[in-house]
Amino acid sequence: MSIIGERAQQLLAARTPFVHATVVRAQPPTSVYPGDEAILLADGTIEGFVGGQCAQNSVRKAALGALQTNESVLLRVLPDGDVHFPEAPGACVVVNPCLSGGSLEIFLTPQLPPPLIRVHGATPIAEALVRVCAVLGYDARADADPVDVTALPTAVVIASHGGPEAGIIRAALDHGIGYIGLVASRVRGASILDSLSLSGDERARVHTPVGLPIGAKTPAEIAVSIAAELVAAIRGAGGPGLPPRRCAPRPGRSTRSAA
C-alpha cells in the first residue's frame, strides 16, 4: 500500500473527513504525472503532491467544496484559452495562473465518516438496532459509555429499559448531540425528561417514544422504526451528521416502541 493509502486508512479509522485527490491526466509542461495523489484535509492541509503552487489553491478550493457537498468532482486546471485538452463533460474548469502553462485533470473524492450511532443497552431492541444500522452503512456501536469525546456520535439511542437513562440524556445534551432517542412509554419517557428540568430546546432534541409510528411490535420492527427516524433526521437537515432539532413528540404518536 502507498504512503497516501496508509494515511487514508489512518484517517478513516480516526473518522477524520478528507479528500483523496488523484491526477488522472497531465499535459506538459506540468510537474505531476497521472497517478500522483494527495490527501486534503478540512483545514486546507495538503499531504502528497498533485501540482505545484500554481495549481494548489485551485485544488484546495475544489476539495473543500467537495467536502461540503460530499460529491466527487473532476477538476480541470487549464491555461487560459486552452482548446487542445480533451473535453470532460461535467468537469469543474479553472484557469491555470502559471506562465509556463500546462493542463491537469484531478479527480477529487471526498471521504466522510459514516454517521456514528451509539446504542446504550443490552436488550433485544438495542441488538436489533445495531444490526439494522450496520445494513444502512452507519457506524453503530453498542456501548455503555454514551459519549466518547474522541468520537462524538451523530446520535445516541437509549434502549436499556432502565438504569442511568437520565444521566445518559444529560451527558448527550451537554456534548451537543443533535439526536437523542429514548425507548420508553410516553408516560415513563415524560417522567424521565421532567426529572431533568430541560429547556424547551433540549427537550426537543430527545425523541421519546422513539421511532416512526409504523405499528412496530417486535424488537426487529421497533429497530426499523428507530432507524427510519434516524435516516430522516440525518438526511433532512442539510447533510450527513447534522440531525435537525425537532418539536416534542406529537399527540397520538404510537408507543409501541416502548417498554
Foldseek 3Di string as FASTA:
>chain_A
DDPQVVVVVVCQVLQFKKKKKFWCDKDPPFPDHGGFIWIAHLVGDIGGDDGDPQCSVVVSVVGNVCQQVQDKAKEKEFAPPDDPDDDDPPHHYDYRPDPRTMITIMIIHIDGHAAEEEEEADDLLSVLLCVVVVVVVHNYYDDNQLQDPSDGGLEYEYDHQDDPPLVSLVVNVVVPRQAYEYAAAPVVVVVSVVVNPDDQQSQLRYAPVAFAQPVDADSNSLSVRNVVVVCCQQPVPSHGSHGDRGHYDDPPGDNNRHD
